[in-house]
Each structure stands twice: as structure tokens, then as C-alpha cells.
Amino acid sequence: MIGVRREYVNNVDVRLHIAYGLPMAKTAHIGVRLEPNVKDALDQAAEAEERSISFLAQKAIAEWLRRKGYLKDDVAAPKGRKR
């Protein structure tokens, strides 16, 4: 099962990726609204690429920001793991 398990270590909330038992990266959380056809295409791409929707969305946003000059090239791209 892939998911997140919460543990408390020294009174600190630690989230572990259940499939890998690794600490999750500290990332910001945002919510977005998508047109149904865009969401369907994103679902299809995630399935085909064996990646999560979050990974693909972060990659697409970062690439757009780089092209527009808002994000420097030296900022690391998401590493992610294939599902």
C-alpha cells in the first residue's frame, strides 16, 4: 500500500512514505481547480508516465516558471520515484 504514515519522534510529527519508509520532503501544499478535460489529461499522463499527479503538476509549473524567468535553472527539479 502506498500512502503516508505519521509517527512522532521526540515529539515531532514525522510523515513517512509507507511504500518506502522514507521521510517525505518538506514541500508547500496548494489547491488548484482544473477544467475537467485538463484533469482527465493529467490523470492519463500520470498513468502513462507512472508518476503521481502532484509530481507532474510540480514539474509543469516549475518548467513554466523557468521559461518566464521567475525560477532560476539552478533550482532542483523534483526527483520523485516512479510508482
C-alpha atoms as a PDB file:
ATOM      1  CA  MET A   1       0.000   0.000   0.000  1.00  0.00           C
ATOM      2  CA  ILE A   2       1.321   3.442  -0.901  1.00  0.00           C
ATOM      3  CA  GLY A   3       0.442   6.293   1.397  1.00  0.00           C
ATOM      4  CA  VAL A   4       1.642   8.297   4.350  1.00  0.00           C
ATOM      5  CA  ARG A   5       2.178   7.127   7.899  1.00  0.00           C
ATOM      6  CA  ARG A   6       2.557   9.660  10.715  1.00  0.00           C
ATOM      7  CA  GLU A   7       4.915   8.990  13.564  1.00  0.00           C
ATOM      8  CA  TYR A   8       6.095  11.086  16.444  1.00  0.00           C
ATOM      9  CA  VAL A   9       9.827  11.165  17.098  1.00  0.00           C
ATOM     10  CA  ASN A  10      10.966  13.314  20.026  1.00  0.00           C
ATOM     11  CA  ASN A  11       7.533  14.987  19.956  1.00  0.00           C
ATOM     12  CA  VAL A  12       7.970  15.943  16.295  1.00  0.00           C
ATOM     13  CA  ASP A  13       5.382  14.888  13.745  1.00  0.00           C
ATOM     14  CA  VAL A  14       7.212  12.891  11.055  1.00  0.00           C
ATOM     15  CA  ARG A  15       5.436  11.690   7.938  1.00  0.00           C
ATOM     16  CA  LEU A  16       6.804   8.572   6.299  1.00  0.00           C
ATOM     17  CA  HIS A  17       6.036   7.361   2.821  1.00  0.00           C
ATOM     18  CA  ILE A  18       4.565   3.939   3.557  1.00  0.00           C
ATOM     19  CA  ALA A  19       5.890   2.179   0.453  1.00  0.00           C
ATOM     20  CA  TYR A  20       9.462   3.303   1.020  1.00  0.00           C
ATOM     21  CA  GLY A  21       9.594   4.092   4.757  1.00  0.00           C
ATOM     22  CA  LEU A  22      11.383   7.355   3.988  1.00  0.00           C
ATOM     23  CA  PRO A  23      10.670  10.805   5.383  1.00  0.00           C
ATOM     24  CA  MET A  24       8.619  12.885   2.974  1.00  0.00           C
ATOM     25  CA  ALA A  25      10.163  16.058   1.592  1.00  0.00           C
ATOM     26  CA  LYS A  26       9.010  19.280   3.201  1.00  0.00           C
ATOM     27  CA  THR A  27       7.026  20.886   0.418  1.00  0.00           C
ATOM     28  CA  ALA A  28       4.328  23.518   0.286  1.00  0.00           C
ATOM     29  CA  HIS A  29       0.737  22.412  -0.251  1.00  0.00           C
ATOM     30  CA  ILE A  30      -1.572  24.245  -2.668  1.00  0.00           C
ATOM     31  CA  GLY A  31      -5.012  23.529  -4.037  1.00  0.00           C
ATOM     32  CA  VAL A  32      -5.969  24.227  -7.629  1.00  0.00           C
ATOM     33  CA  ARG A  33      -9.101  23.996  -9.721  1.00  0.00           C
ATOM     34  CA  LEU A  34      -8.807  22.399 -13.147  1.00  0.00           C
ATOM     35  CA  GLU A  35     -11.185  22.144 -16.052  1.00  0.00           C
ATOM     36  CA  PRO A  36     -12.414  18.535 -16.335  1.00  0.00           C
ATOM     37  CA  ASN A  37     -10.620  17.949 -19.648  1.00  0.00           C
ATOM     38  CA  VAL A  38      -7.314  19.182 -18.147  1.00  0.00           C
ATOM     39  CA  LYS A  39      -7.767  16.914 -15.099  1.00  0.00           C
ATOM     40  CA  ASP A  40      -8.540  13.953 -17.377  1.00  0.00           C
ATOM     41  CA  ALA A  41      -5.409  14.632 -19.442  1.00  0.00           C
ATOM     42  CA  LEU A  42      -3.337  14.944 -16.242  1.00  0.00           C
ATOM     43  CA  ASP A  43      -4.700  11.632 -14.946  1.00  0.00           C
ATOM     44  CA  GLN A  44      -3.895   9.973 -18.273  1.00  0.00           C
ATOM     45  CA  ALA A  45      -0.358  11.422 -18.337  1.00  0.00           C
ATOM     46  CA  ALA A  46       0.318  10.372 -14.731  1.00  0.00           C
ATOM     47  CA  GLU A  47      -0.790   6.833 -15.503  1.00  0.00           C
ATOM     48  CA  ALA A  48       1.248   6.642 -18.714  1.00  0.00           C
ATOM     49  CA  GLU A  49       4.376   8.108 -17.101  1.00  0.00           C
ATOM     50  CA  GLU A  50       3.947   6.056 -13.895  1.00  0.00           C
ATOM     51  CA  ARG A  51       4.175   9.279 -11.867  1.00  0.00           C
ATOM     52  CA  SER A  52       1.877  10.974  -9.396  1.00  0.00           C
ATOM     53  CA  ILE A  53      -0.365  13.857 -10.396  1.00  0.00           C
ATOM     54  CA  SER A  54       1.483  16.024  -7.858  1.00  0.00           C
ATOM     55  CA  PHE A  55       4.839  15.218  -9.454  1.00  0.00           C
ATOM     56  CA  LEU A  56       3.636  16.097 -12.956  1.00  0.00           C
ATOM     57  CA  ALA A  57       1.898  19.285 -11.806  1.00  0.00           C
ATOM     58  CA  GLN A  58       5.006  20.452  -9.919  1.00  0.00           C
ATOM     59  CA  LYS A  59       7.196  19.667 -12.935  1.00  0.00           C
ATOM     60  CA  ALA A  60       4.902  21.580 -15.318  1.00  0.00           C
ATOM     61  CA  ILE A  61       4.635  24.601 -13.020  1.00  0.00           C
ATOM     62  CA  ALA A  62       8.409  24.714 -12.434  1.00  0.00           C
ATOM     63  CA  GLU A  63       9.094  24.499 -16.185  1.00  0.00           C
ATOM     64  CA  TRP A  64       6.676  27.371 -16.914  1.00  0.00           C
ATOM     65  CA  LEU A  65       8.295  29.483 -14.173  1.00  0.00           C
ATOM     66  CA  ARG A  66      11.767  28.771 -15.610  1.00  0.00           C
ATOM     67  CA  ARG A  67      10.702  29.777 -19.116  1.00  0.00           C
ATOM     68  CA  LYS A  68       9.196  33.019 -17.798  1.00  0.00           C
ATOM     69  CA  GLY A  69      12.321  33.807 -15.760  1.00  0.00           C
ATOM     70  CA  TYR A  70      10.691  33.524 -12.326  1.00  0.00           C
ATOM     71  CA  LEU A  71      12.644  30.395 -11.346  1.00  0.00           C
ATOM     72  CA  LYS A  72      16.379  30.041 -11.806  1.00  0.00           C
ATOM     73  CA  ASP A  73      17.742  26.961 -13.563  1.00  0.00           C
ATOM     74  CA  ASP A  74      19.871  26.052 -10.542  1.00  0.00           C
ATOM     75  CA  VAL A  75      16.749  25.197  -8.524  1.00  0.00           C
ATOM     76  CA  ALA A  76      16.457  21.419  -8.291  1.00  0.00           C
ATOM     77  CA  ALA A  77      13.716  19.721 -10.242  1.00  0.00           C
ATOM     78  CA  PRO A  78      11.528  17.236  -8.375  1.00  0.00           C
ATOM     79  CA  LYS A  79      13.294  13.916  -8.028  1.00  0.00           C
ATOM     80  CA  GLY A  80      10.293  11.740  -7.224  1.00  0.00           C
ATOM     81  CA  ARG A  81      10.098   7.988  -7.548  1.00  0.00           C
ATOM     82  CA  LYS A  82       8.243   6.028 -10.136  1.00  0.00           C
ATOM     83  CA  ARG A  83       5.169   4.376  -8.698  1.00  0.00           C
END
